[in-house]
Amino acid sequence: MQPRFPNVLATSLRWATVALVGTCLSMAAAQQASAKTLRFAFQGTLNALDPYSLNETFTLGMLGNVFEGLTRRDKDLSIIPGLAESWETVDPLHWRFHLRQGVKFANGNDFNADDVIFSAERVLAEGSDLKTRIPADSVWKKIDDYTVEVELKSPNPILHYEWDTWYIMDKEWAEAEGAVKPISARDTNPGPAAFKANGTGPFVIDSHEPGVKTVFKPNPDWWGTPEHNLTEVVFTPIAADGTRVAALLAGDVDLIDPVPVQDIPRVNANADTEALTGPELRVIHLGFNQIRDELPTSNIKGKNPFHDPNVRKAVYQAIDIEAIKDRIMRGLATPVPLLIANEQYAGSGDFKRWPYDPEAAKKLLADAGYADGFTVGMDCPNDRYVNDEAICQAVVSMLARVGVTVNLNAQPKAQYFAKVLAPGGYDTDFYLLGWTPSSFDSWNVLTNLAGCRDETGAGGPFNLGGYCNEKVDELASQIVVETDQAKRDDLIHQAYTIMTEETSHIPLHQQSLVWGKRKNIDIVQRPDNQVLFYWATVN
């Protein structure tokens, strides 16, 4: 039977269809408007997700969106409670931590004292790159499910200073995944934890393609109160500076780190983007292989030129730090005399850099028996620090003027760190490295960058050249237990004096932070250069 008013009915159906489609489109538009995706690009890659694999600020910062420590640091870097609600020193050798109750890992497992004890054992295990986070001789005891006590062999007033990046792992999950042991970034066979992450933090990792893309989603069961409005974060590494900046200007990404200093005017001139700048606590420095009897990359056979402190000083004085600051860093760098940022050590003003003096450098080399100079290889990352390869190229050019021929090996950070952190160590003769002490304290610098290493490489984990002065080690052991600030500062001063006089390393500068962002993005830029999504909003 045909309808009595076919045209009217057809018209009604058409309008109903249009209305339905319109409603669907409106709903889709509303959903799209409410979806807040942050697209972030960094110059380097995020590789292994194991939080103990690589002691590197970028990696730890990314994983800090997913994992948490017993402590946290706020927007001003002050220590605040994290997975530990509170703590106290029962006496100088015993610390007690009261854990936050009701916290769950992303897979639903409960967080408790067993996870803390497990994480303490795991971070000290072979393969961990974060062994200095807790004293190797500390004894961890479970008092109850939410109370942990740490027994020390000697007082340690800064015990918890680095714990915001010592992330607590799920014991049950690690055992089920076969991830009980950490796998170092220098290992070519990453373990199960390299591709999966199960933390208690404000985000979870939805997908991870190492070196390609990582997608973060908010953790709906996070114990804290979110300060972001994000529904998704998509991280993509873009190594080439020009490509990274172009992606920001075109609107393909919302946030980039870093902006090359020469591109800051471009970013600020664009109507929709701006550069976010600020001081960074990272110090860029050069190091020498001082442990080998002969440098594999040098034409000098039978001896190591870098054994002589005068040769090290000659290299130092051949480097024009002001030229690097002005021409390469475009003024966005602060030359420093020590391996620590000026703000982090009150006595830094007592120290001065060795002056730039090529003629003095030539004389030092001649007096040391190298009037004709020598050759040496240099390792440098090309996607880790601001203008890292350009800095190394400048150093190569400057040293050539005093007769030292440097063969530069610049490569992506994954290959760079795999080489310089190779098992046994000392697989670099001359290198560039950046360091931000995770405790924001000189003890961290002295231990990690200058601590004596034995033949197996054990000791200062980032003392890549094997510098060793037993007096500096002795002072570091006193610094870590000294509770009187004036006495502690004096000990630190003594250690830095020795290192300066011996030219243990060549401090270059504090680099400045330069992020590029679209103007509708608000995010906190801390001096430690951790990109933390939980303080980001898309407007």
Protein backbone atom coordinates (compact mmCIF):
# COMPACT_ATOMS: atom_id res chain seq x y z
CA MET A 1 0.00 0.00 0.00
CA GLN A 2 1.36 3.40 -1.01
CA PRO A 3 1.35 6.28 1.50
CA ARG A 4 -1.36 8.89 0.88
CA PHE A 5 1.12 11.78 0.95
CA PRO A 6 4.36 10.37 -0.46
CA ASN A 7 6.03 13.73 -1.18
CA VAL A 8 5.33 15.08 2.31
CA LEU A 9 6.58 11.88 3.92
CA ALA A 10 9.74 11.82 1.80
CA THR A 11 10.41 15.45 2.62
CA SER A 12 9.92 14.75 6.34
CA LEU A 13 12.29 11.81 6.16
CA ARG A 14 14.89 13.93 4.36
CA TRP A 15 14.68 16.66 7.00
CA ALA A 16 14.85 14.06 9.78
CA THR A 17 17.95 12.60 8.17
CA VAL A 18 19.52 16.05 7.82
CA ALA A 19 18.69 16.83 11.44
CA LEU A 20 20.17 13.51 12.59
CA VAL A 21 23.34 14.07 10.57
CA GLY A 22 23.54 17.63 11.89
CA THR A 23 23.14 16.39 15.44
CA CYS A 24 25.86 13.79 14.92
CA LEU A 25 28.17 16.38 13.40
CA SER A 26 27.49 18.74 16.30
CA MET A 27 28.21 15.97 18.79
CA ALA A 28 31.42 15.08 16.92
CA ALA A 29 32.44 18.73 16.87
CA ALA A 30 31.74 19.03 20.58
CA GLN A 31 33.76 15.90 21.29
CA GLN A 32 36.57 17.20 19.11
CA ALA A 33 36.48 20.55 20.92
CA SER A 34 36.66 18.80 24.28
CA ALA A 35 39.51 16.53 23.15
CA LYS A 36 42.76 18.15 24.21
CA THR A 37 45.74 16.56 22.49
CA LEU A 38 49.26 17.83 23.14
CA ARG A 39 51.66 17.02 20.31
CA PHE A 40 55.24 17.21 21.56
CA ALA A 41 58.49 16.88 19.63
CA PHE A 42 62.00 16.56 21.07
CA GLN A 43 65.33 16.40 19.28
CA GLY A 44 66.13 12.95 20.67
CA THR A 45 64.32 9.67 21.04
CA LEU A 46 62.56 7.96 23.92
CA ASN A 47 63.88 4.44 23.80
CA ALA A 48 63.61 2.00 26.72
CA LEU A 49 60.75 2.53 29.19
CA ASP A 50 62.62 0.80 32.00
CA PRO A 51 63.05 3.67 34.50
CA TYR A 52 66.44 2.35 35.66
CA SER A 53 68.01 1.96 32.21
CA LEU A 54 69.36 5.45 31.57
CA ASN A 55 70.13 8.25 34.00
CA GLU A 56 69.22 11.01 31.55
CA THR A 57 67.03 14.03 32.23
CA PHE A 58 64.85 13.72 29.13
CA THR A 59 64.15 10.01 29.59
CA LEU A 60 63.50 10.39 33.31
CA GLY A 61 61.29 13.41 32.67
CA MET A 62 59.17 11.54 30.15
CA LEU A 63 58.86 8.54 32.46
CA GLY A 64 58.05 10.89 35.34
CA ASN A 65 54.64 11.35 33.74
CA VAL A 66 53.99 7.63 34.21
CA PHE A 67 56.03 6.61 37.27
CA GLU A 68 56.43 8.28 40.65
CA GLY A 69 58.99 8.37 43.43
CA LEU A 70 58.57 8.44 47.17
CA THR A 71 59.11 12.19 46.87
CA ARG A 72 58.21 14.70 44.20
CA ARG A 73 59.37 18.20 43.32
CA ASP A 74 56.93 21.05 42.86
CA LYS A 75 56.98 23.79 40.23
CA ASP A 76 59.79 25.53 42.11
CA LEU A 77 61.79 22.27 42.57
CA SER A 78 61.06 22.08 46.29
CA ILE A 79 60.77 18.54 47.67
CA ILE A 80 57.18 17.53 48.46
CA PRO A 81 55.51 14.21 49.36
CA GLY A 82 54.98 11.69 46.59
CA LEU A 83 54.25 8.02 47.17
CA ALA A 84 55.47 8.67 50.71
CA GLU A 85 53.01 10.94 52.51
CA SER A 86 55.59 11.82 55.17
CA TRP A 87 58.94 10.79 56.62
CA GLU A 88 61.11 11.39 59.61
CA THR A 89 64.60 10.62 60.84
CA VAL A 90 64.19 8.35 63.86
CA ASP A 91 67.87 8.97 64.52
CA PRO A 92 70.76 9.95 62.18
CA LEU A 93 71.04 6.34 60.94
CA HIS A 94 67.35 5.47 60.59
CA TRP A 95 64.77 7.07 58.30
CA ARG A 96 61.12 6.05 58.32
CA PHE A 97 58.76 6.60 55.38
CA HIS A 98 54.98 6.47 55.67
CA LEU A 99 53.49 5.40 52.35
CA ARG A 100 50.38 6.74 50.68
CA GLN A 101 47.47 4.33 50.98
CA GLY A 102 44.88 3.60 48.29
CA VAL A 103 47.34 4.08 45.41
CA LYS A 104 47.15 1.67 42.49
CA PHE A 105 49.45 0.91 39.62
CA ALA A 106 48.02 1.35 36.13
CA ASN A 107 47.19 -2.37 35.90
CA GLY A 108 45.16 -2.21 39.10
CA ASN A 109 47.73 -3.70 41.49
CA ASP A 110 47.94 -2.07 44.91
CA PHE A 111 51.02 -0.04 45.81
CA ASN A 112 52.60 -1.01 49.12
CA ALA A 113 55.85 -1.48 51.02
CA ASP A 114 56.77 -4.61 49.05
CA ASP A 115 57.06 -2.48 45.92
CA VAL A 116 59.41 -0.05 47.66
CA ILE A 117 61.66 -2.84 48.97
CA PHE A 118 61.69 -4.45 45.52
CA SER A 119 62.51 -1.14 43.82
CA ALA A 120 65.37 -0.51 46.26
CA GLU A 121 66.88 -3.89 45.40
CA ARG A 122 66.29 -3.43 41.67
CA VAL A 123 67.81 0.06 41.43
CA LEU A 124 71.03 -1.29 42.98
CA ALA A 125 71.15 -4.37 40.77
CA GLU A 126 73.54 -4.96 37.90
CA GLY A 127 72.29 -3.18 34.79
CA SER A 128 70.82 -0.23 36.67
CA ASP A 129 72.08 3.18 35.61
CA LEU A 130 70.67 4.82 38.75
CA LYS A 131 72.63 3.00 41.43
CA THR A 132 73.68 6.22 43.14
CA ARG A 133 70.06 7.06 43.97
CA ILE A 134 70.33 5.15 47.26
CA PRO A 135 73.35 4.12 49.37
CA ALA A 136 74.59 0.69 48.33
CA ASP A 137 74.99 -0.39 51.96
CA SER A 138 71.56 0.81 53.12
CA VAL A 139 69.24 -1.79 54.64
CA TRP A 140 65.53 -1.57 53.79
CA LYS A 141 62.97 -3.00 56.18
CA LYS A 142 59.22 -3.34 55.88
CA ILE A 143 57.56 -2.28 59.14
CA ASP A 144 54.06 -2.89 57.80
CA ASP A 145 52.30 -2.65 54.43
CA TYR A 146 52.58 1.14 54.42
CA THR A 147 55.71 1.86 56.46
CA VAL A 148 59.32 1.38 55.37
CA GLU A 149 62.46 2.00 57.41
CA VAL A 150 65.91 2.64 55.96
CA GLU A 151 68.98 1.85 58.03
CA LEU A 152 72.19 3.65 57.05
CA LYS A 153 75.80 2.91 57.89
CA SER A 154 76.53 6.62 58.22
CA PRO A 155 74.38 9.77 58.36
CA ASN A 156 73.10 11.09 55.03
CA PRO A 157 71.26 14.43 55.26
CA ILE A 158 70.46 14.38 51.51
CA LEU A 159 69.24 10.76 51.38
CA HIS A 160 65.94 11.64 49.68
CA TYR A 161 67.11 14.52 47.47
CA GLU A 162 67.17 12.38 44.31
CA TRP A 163 64.11 10.28 44.91
CA ASP A 164 61.74 12.25 42.69
CA THR A 165 63.41 10.42 39.78
CA TRP A 166 63.90 7.11 41.55
CA TYR A 167 60.62 5.65 40.38
CA ILE A 168 58.85 2.90 42.29
CA MET A 169 58.00 -0.19 40.27
CA ASP A 170 55.32 -2.83 40.78
CA LYS A 171 56.92 -5.99 42.21
CA GLU A 172 54.09 -8.29 41.05
CA TRP A 173 54.09 -6.84 37.54
CA ALA A 174 57.89 -7.05 37.18
CA GLU A 175 57.91 -10.68 38.27
CA ALA A 176 55.06 -11.57 35.90
CA GLU A 177 56.73 -9.76 32.97
CA GLY A 178 60.19 -11.21 33.56
CA ALA A 179 61.48 -7.71 34.34
CA VAL A 180 62.96 -8.29 37.79
CA LYS A 181 66.42 -7.26 36.61
CA PRO A 182 67.07 -3.86 35.01
CA ILE A 183 68.64 -3.67 31.57
CA SER A 184 71.10 -0.85 30.95
CA ALA A 185 70.79 1.44 27.92
CA ARG A 186 74.21 0.22 26.87
CA ASP A 187 72.84 -3.32 26.47
CA THR A 188 71.87 -4.25 22.92
CA ASN A 189 69.22 -6.71 24.18
CA PRO A 190 66.56 -4.63 25.97
CA GLY A 191 64.39 -6.44 28.48
CA PRO A 192 60.58 -6.63 28.71
CA ALA A 193 60.38 -3.36 30.68
CA ALA A 194 61.84 -1.53 27.69
CA PHE A 195 58.54 -1.69 25.85
CA LYS A 196 55.95 -1.66 28.66
CA ALA A 197 55.38 0.60 31.64
CA ASN A 198 53.22 0.14 34.72
CA GLY A 199 53.42 3.10 37.06
CA THR A 200 51.28 4.97 39.56
CA GLY A 201 51.56 8.36 37.84
CA PRO A 202 49.05 10.71 36.22
CA PHE A 203 49.54 9.20 32.74
CA VAL A 204 49.80 5.76 31.23
CA ILE A 205 51.59 4.81 28.03
CA ASP A 206 49.00 3.77 25.47
CA SER A 207 51.52 2.78 22.79
CA HIS A 208 55.27 2.94 22.34
CA GLU A 209 57.31 2.64 19.16
CA PRO A 210 60.92 3.33 20.22
CA GLY A 211 62.39 6.12 18.15
CA VAL A 212 59.11 6.69 16.31
CA LYS A 213 56.14 7.66 18.49
CA THR A 214 54.85 7.29 22.03
CA VAL A 215 51.26 7.99 23.04
CA PHE A 216 50.34 8.91 26.62
CA LYS A 217 46.81 8.90 28.03
CA PRO A 218 45.60 10.24 31.39
CA ASN A 219 45.44 7.68 34.17
CA PRO A 220 41.78 7.76 35.27
CA ASP A 221 42.66 6.11 38.59
CA TRP A 222 45.51 8.42 39.58
CA TRP A 223 45.45 9.22 43.29
CA GLY A 224 46.26 12.92 42.76
CA THR A 225 44.26 15.88 41.48
CA PRO A 226 45.05 16.56 37.80
CA GLU A 227 46.09 20.10 36.92
CA HIS A 228 46.00 19.44 33.18
CA ASN A 229 43.11 19.18 30.73
CA LEU A 230 44.72 16.75 28.30
CA THR A 231 43.05 13.71 26.81
CA GLU A 232 46.17 12.55 24.97
CA VAL A 233 49.85 13.35 24.49
CA VAL A 234 51.60 12.27 21.31
CA PHE A 235 55.38 12.39 21.46
CA THR A 236 57.37 12.28 18.22
CA PRO A 237 61.15 12.67 17.97
CA ILE A 238 62.28 15.14 15.30
CA ALA A 239 66.04 15.26 15.17
CA ALA A 240 66.58 17.93 12.50
CA ASP A 241 66.36 21.44 13.95
CA GLY A 242 64.83 22.96 10.84
CA THR A 243 62.20 20.24 10.53
CA ARG A 244 61.27 20.53 14.19
CA VAL A 245 60.81 24.31 13.99
CA ALA A 246 58.90 24.02 10.72
CA ALA A 247 56.52 21.51 12.31
CA LEU A 248 55.77 23.98 15.11
CA LEU A 249 55.24 26.91 12.75
CA ALA A 250 52.96 24.82 10.51
CA GLY A 251 50.84 23.69 13.44
CA ASP A 252 51.80 20.04 13.12
CA VAL A 253 53.07 19.98 16.72
CA ASP A 254 52.21 22.09 19.75
CA LEU A 255 55.45 22.01 21.75
CA ILE A 256 59.09 21.48 20.78
CA ASP A 257 62.31 21.19 22.76
CA PRO A 258 64.68 22.75 22.02
CA VAL A 259 64.31 25.68 19.69
CA PRO A 260 67.71 26.37 18.11
CA VAL A 261 68.79 29.74 19.46
CA GLN A 262 69.09 31.15 15.95
CA ASP A 263 65.40 30.35 15.30
CA ILE A 264 63.96 32.15 18.32
CA PRO A 265 63.10 35.30 16.29
CA ARG A 266 61.28 33.15 13.72
CA VAL A 267 59.22 31.42 16.36
CA ASN A 268 58.33 34.68 18.09
CA ALA A 269 57.48 36.40 14.80
CA ASN A 270 54.85 33.79 13.97
CA ALA A 271 51.33 34.83 15.04
CA ASP A 272 50.52 31.49 16.71
CA THR A 273 53.81 30.53 18.36
CA GLU A 274 56.28 31.80 20.92
CA ALA A 275 59.58 30.80 22.51
CA LEU A 276 59.55 29.92 26.18
CA THR A 277 62.97 30.65 27.68
CA GLY A 278 64.48 30.29 31.11
CA PRO A 279 67.62 29.28 32.99
CA GLU A 280 68.66 25.64 33.08
CA LEU A 281 70.70 23.91 35.77
CA ARG A 282 72.54 21.70 33.28
CA VAL A 283 76.26 22.29 32.81
CA ILE A 284 77.89 21.27 29.52
CA HIS A 285 81.47 20.10 29.89
CA LEU A 286 84.32 18.30 28.15
CA GLY A 287 86.10 15.29 29.60
CA PHE A 288 89.37 13.49 28.95
CA ASN A 289 90.34 9.83 29.04
CA GLN A 290 92.84 9.88 31.89
CA ILE A 291 92.97 6.20 32.71
CA ARG A 292 94.33 4.48 29.61
CA ASP A 293 98.09 4.20 29.17
CA GLU A 294 97.60 4.92 25.48
CA LEU A 295 94.71 6.60 23.66
CA PRO A 296 93.38 4.34 20.87
CA THR A 297 92.41 7.35 18.73
CA SER A 298 95.71 9.22 19.09
CA ASN A 299 98.88 9.20 17.00
CA ILE A 300 100.90 9.30 20.23
CA LYS A 301 101.92 5.74 21.07
CA GLY A 302 103.20 4.40 24.35
CA LYS A 303 101.73 7.16 26.50
CA ASN A 304 98.58 9.19 27.09
CA PRO A 305 98.91 12.98 26.65
CA PHE A 306 95.89 13.53 28.93
CA HIS A 307 97.78 12.05 31.89
CA ASP A 308 99.56 15.40 32.07
CA PRO A 309 97.45 18.11 33.77
CA ASN A 310 99.31 20.75 31.75
CA VAL A 311 98.06 19.18 28.51
CA ARG A 312 94.51 19.24 29.89
CA LYS A 313 94.99 22.89 30.87
CA ALA A 314 96.34 23.64 27.39
CA VAL A 315 93.18 22.22 25.81
CA TYR A 316 91.12 24.30 28.24
CA GLN A 317 92.95 27.52 27.41
CA ALA A 318 92.64 26.90 23.67
CA ILE A 319 88.85 27.09 23.86
CA ASP A 320 87.25 30.51 23.41
CA ILE A 321 84.19 30.15 25.63
CA GLU A 322 82.95 33.66 24.83
CA ALA A 323 82.94 32.87 21.11
CA ILE A 324 80.89 29.74 21.80
CA LYS A 325 78.51 31.78 23.92
CA ASP A 326 78.10 34.59 21.37
CA ARG A 327 78.29 32.81 18.02
CA ILE A 328 76.90 29.35 18.68
CA MET A 329 74.61 29.90 21.66
CA ARG A 330 73.58 33.43 20.57
CA GLY A 331 74.08 34.65 24.11
CA LEU A 332 71.81 32.01 25.66
CA ALA A 333 74.53 30.40 27.76
CA THR A 334 76.35 31.27 30.97
CA PRO A 335 80.04 30.26 31.11
CA VAL A 336 80.85 28.55 34.40
CA PRO A 337 84.06 27.69 36.27
CA LEU A 338 82.78 24.45 37.83
CA LEU A 339 80.81 21.35 36.87
CA ILE A 340 77.81 22.70 38.74
CA ALA A 341 75.49 25.62 37.99
CA ASN A 342 76.28 28.85 39.79
CA GLU A 343 72.90 28.81 41.55
CA GLN A 344 73.53 25.38 43.05
CA TYR A 345 76.73 26.16 44.92
CA ALA A 346 77.09 29.32 46.98
CA GLY A 347 80.89 29.25 46.71
CA SER A 348 81.05 29.19 42.91
CA GLY A 349 82.03 32.88 42.89
CA ASP A 350 85.36 31.95 44.47
CA PHE A 351 86.39 30.13 41.30
CA LYS A 352 87.43 31.50 37.93
CA ARG A 353 87.78 29.84 34.55
CA TRP A 354 91.24 29.37 33.11
CA PRO A 355 91.52 32.29 30.63
CA TYR A 356 91.33 31.78 26.90
CA ASP A 357 94.96 32.07 25.76
CA PRO A 358 96.09 30.12 22.66
CA GLU A 359 99.73 31.18 23.09
CA ALA A 360 99.78 29.95 26.68
CA ALA A 361 98.17 26.72 25.42
CA LYS A 362 100.93 26.23 22.83
CA LYS A 363 103.61 26.78 25.47
CA LEU A 364 102.00 24.29 27.83
CA LEU A 365 101.90 21.73 25.04
CA ALA A 366 105.53 22.36 24.10
CA ASP A 367 106.66 22.13 27.73
CA ALA A 368 104.81 18.82 27.99
CA GLY A 369 106.64 17.46 24.93
CA TYR A 370 103.93 18.04 22.33
CA ALA A 371 105.28 21.04 20.46
CA ASP A 372 103.95 19.48 17.24
CA GLY A 373 100.63 18.68 18.86
CA PHE A 374 98.84 15.34 18.57
CA THR A 375 95.64 13.79 17.26
CA VAL A 376 92.72 12.48 19.28
CA GLY A 377 89.16 11.29 18.65
CA MET A 378 86.17 13.07 20.19
CA ASP A 379 82.69 11.71 20.93
CA CYS A 380 79.75 14.07 20.84
CA PRO A 381 75.96 13.65 20.72
CA ASN A 382 74.17 15.52 17.96
CA ASP A 383 70.62 15.43 19.33
CA ARG A 384 70.90 15.75 23.07
CA TYR A 385 71.99 19.25 24.14
CA VAL A 386 71.45 22.69 22.64
CA ASN A 387 73.72 22.98 19.58
CA ASP A 388 75.83 20.08 20.87
CA GLU A 389 77.42 19.15 17.54
CA ALA A 390 78.07 22.81 16.70
CA ILE A 391 79.87 23.25 20.03
CA CYS A 392 82.02 20.21 19.30
CA GLN A 393 82.82 21.48 15.82
CA ALA A 394 83.90 24.81 17.31
CA VAL A 395 86.16 23.00 19.79
CA VAL A 396 87.69 21.03 16.93
CA SER A 397 88.46 24.26 15.09
CA MET A 398 89.90 26.01 18.15
CA LEU A 399 92.16 23.12 19.10
CA ALA A 400 93.48 22.91 15.55
CA ARG A 401 94.93 26.39 16.03
CA VAL A 402 97.21 25.12 18.80
CA GLY A 403 98.22 21.96 16.98
CA VAL A 404 95.75 19.43 18.39
CA THR A 405 93.90 17.60 15.61
CA VAL A 406 90.52 16.30 16.75
CA ASN A 407 88.60 13.69 14.75
CA LEU A 408 84.97 14.27 15.63
CA ASN A 409 82.49 11.41 16.00
CA ALA A 410 79.07 13.06 16.38
CA GLN A 411 76.09 10.72 16.49
CA PRO A 412 72.55 10.40 17.89
CA LYS A 413 72.32 10.05 21.65
CA ALA A 414 71.27 6.39 21.55
CA GLN A 415 74.51 5.44 19.81
CA TYR A 416 76.53 8.00 21.75
CA PHE A 417 75.48 6.74 25.18
CA ALA A 418 75.82 3.11 24.11
CA LYS A 419 79.43 3.86 23.22
CA VAL A 420 80.57 6.04 26.11
CA LEU A 421 78.72 3.92 28.68
CA ALA A 422 79.96 0.62 27.27
CA PRO A 423 80.54 -2.16 29.84
CA GLY A 424 83.93 -1.66 31.47
CA GLY A 425 83.94 1.98 30.41
CA TYR A 426 86.59 4.27 28.92
CA ASP A 427 85.53 3.74 25.31
CA THR A 428 85.99 7.44 24.65
CA ASP A 429 89.16 9.53 24.63
CA PHE A 430 87.63 12.99 24.60
CA TYR A 431 83.94 13.80 24.95
CA LEU A 432 81.18 16.32 25.51
CA LEU A 433 78.58 15.67 28.20
CA GLY A 434 75.83 17.62 29.96
CA TRP A 435 74.96 17.11 33.61
CA THR A 436 72.17 18.26 35.90
CA PRO A 437 72.69 16.85 39.41
CA SER A 438 69.43 15.15 40.30
CA SER A 439 69.92 16.12 43.94
CA PHE A 440 70.76 19.71 42.90
CA ASP A 441 73.77 19.30 45.14
CA SER A 442 77.57 19.17 44.71
CA TRP A 443 77.88 15.69 46.19
CA ASN A 444 76.04 14.33 43.18
CA VAL A 445 78.54 16.01 40.84
CA LEU A 446 81.60 14.80 42.74
CA THR A 447 80.29 11.25 42.93
CA ASN A 448 78.93 10.83 39.41
CA LEU A 449 81.40 12.86 37.36
CA ALA A 450 84.62 12.65 39.39
CA GLY A 451 84.39 9.54 41.57
CA CYS A 452 87.30 7.14 41.05
CA ARG A 453 86.42 4.06 38.98
CA ASP A 454 88.07 0.68 39.19
CA GLU A 455 89.24 -1.47 36.29
CA THR A 456 85.72 -2.79 35.72
CA GLY A 457 84.29 0.70 35.44
CA ALA A 458 82.62 0.60 38.86
CA GLY A 459 82.61 3.95 40.63
CA GLY A 460 81.54 7.32 39.25
CA PRO A 461 79.07 6.12 36.58
CA PHE A 462 79.44 9.21 34.37
CA ASN A 463 83.14 9.73 35.01
CA LEU A 464 83.65 8.63 31.43
CA GLY A 465 87.36 9.47 31.32
CA GLY A 466 88.40 7.84 34.57
CA TYR A 467 89.64 10.95 36.40
CA CYS A 468 90.72 9.89 39.87
CA ASN A 469 91.98 11.74 42.90
CA GLU A 470 91.68 9.85 46.15
CA LYS A 471 91.51 13.08 48.12
CA VAL A 472 88.44 14.16 46.14
CA ASP A 473 86.84 10.78 46.85
CA GLU A 474 87.65 11.15 50.54
CA LEU A 475 86.11 14.63 50.59
CA ALA A 476 82.98 13.34 48.81
CA SER A 477 82.57 10.64 51.46
CA GLN A 478 82.74 13.33 54.15
CA ILE A 479 80.38 15.69 52.33
CA VAL A 480 77.58 13.13 52.11
CA VAL A 481 77.48 12.64 55.91
CA GLU A 482 78.21 16.20 57.05
CA THR A 483 75.16 17.91 58.54
CA ASP A 484 76.82 21.23 59.41
CA GLN A 485 76.30 23.41 56.32
CA ALA A 486 79.38 25.59 56.85
CA LYS A 487 81.64 22.57 57.25
CA ARG A 488 79.99 20.91 54.28
CA ASP A 489 80.56 23.95 52.08
CA ASP A 490 84.22 24.01 53.09
CA LEU A 491 84.65 20.36 52.10
CA ILE A 492 82.98 21.05 48.75
CA HIS A 493 85.28 24.03 48.23
CA GLN A 494 88.34 21.85 48.85
CA ALA A 495 87.17 19.26 46.32
CA TYR A 496 86.47 21.82 43.58
CA THR A 497 89.83 23.49 44.25
CA ILE A 498 91.66 20.23 43.57
CA MET A 499 89.65 19.55 40.42
CA THR A 500 90.20 23.08 39.11
CA GLU A 501 93.95 23.01 39.72
CA GLU A 502 94.24 19.62 38.03
CA THR A 503 91.88 20.55 35.17
CA SER A 504 89.94 17.36 35.83
CA HIS A 505 87.37 18.44 33.21
CA ILE A 506 86.60 21.52 31.15
CA PRO A 507 83.37 23.19 32.32
CA LEU A 508 81.83 25.10 29.42
CA HIS A 509 78.50 26.70 30.21
CA GLN A 510 75.00 26.44 31.57
CA GLN A 511 72.73 26.25 28.58
CA SER A 512 69.45 28.15 28.63
CA LEU A 513 66.13 26.48 28.13
CA VAL A 514 64.34 27.36 24.90
CA TRP A 515 61.08 25.59 24.23
CA GLY A 516 58.81 26.52 21.37
CA LYS A 517 55.05 26.34 21.83
CA ARG A 518 51.82 27.34 20.29
CA LYS A 519 50.22 30.23 22.14
CA ASN A 520 47.21 28.16 23.19
CA ILE A 521 49.48 25.92 25.28
CA ASP A 522 50.31 26.64 28.91
CA ILE A 523 53.02 24.53 30.54
CA VAL A 524 55.45 24.83 33.43
CA GLN A 525 59.11 25.15 32.43
CA ARG A 526 61.30 24.08 35.35
CA PRO A 527 65.08 24.72 35.37
CA ASP A 528 65.70 20.95 35.40
CA ASN A 529 64.21 20.76 31.86
CA GLN A 530 61.75 17.99 32.61
CA VAL A 531 58.72 18.19 30.33
CA LEU A 532 55.86 17.26 32.65
CA PHE A 533 52.48 16.93 31.00
CA TYR A 534 50.51 17.06 34.22
CA TRP A 535 51.03 20.83 34.31
CA ALA A 536 49.99 21.43 30.70
CA THR A 537 46.73 22.85 29.39
CA VAL A 538 45.40 23.36 25.87
CA ASN A 539 43.22 26.47 25.63
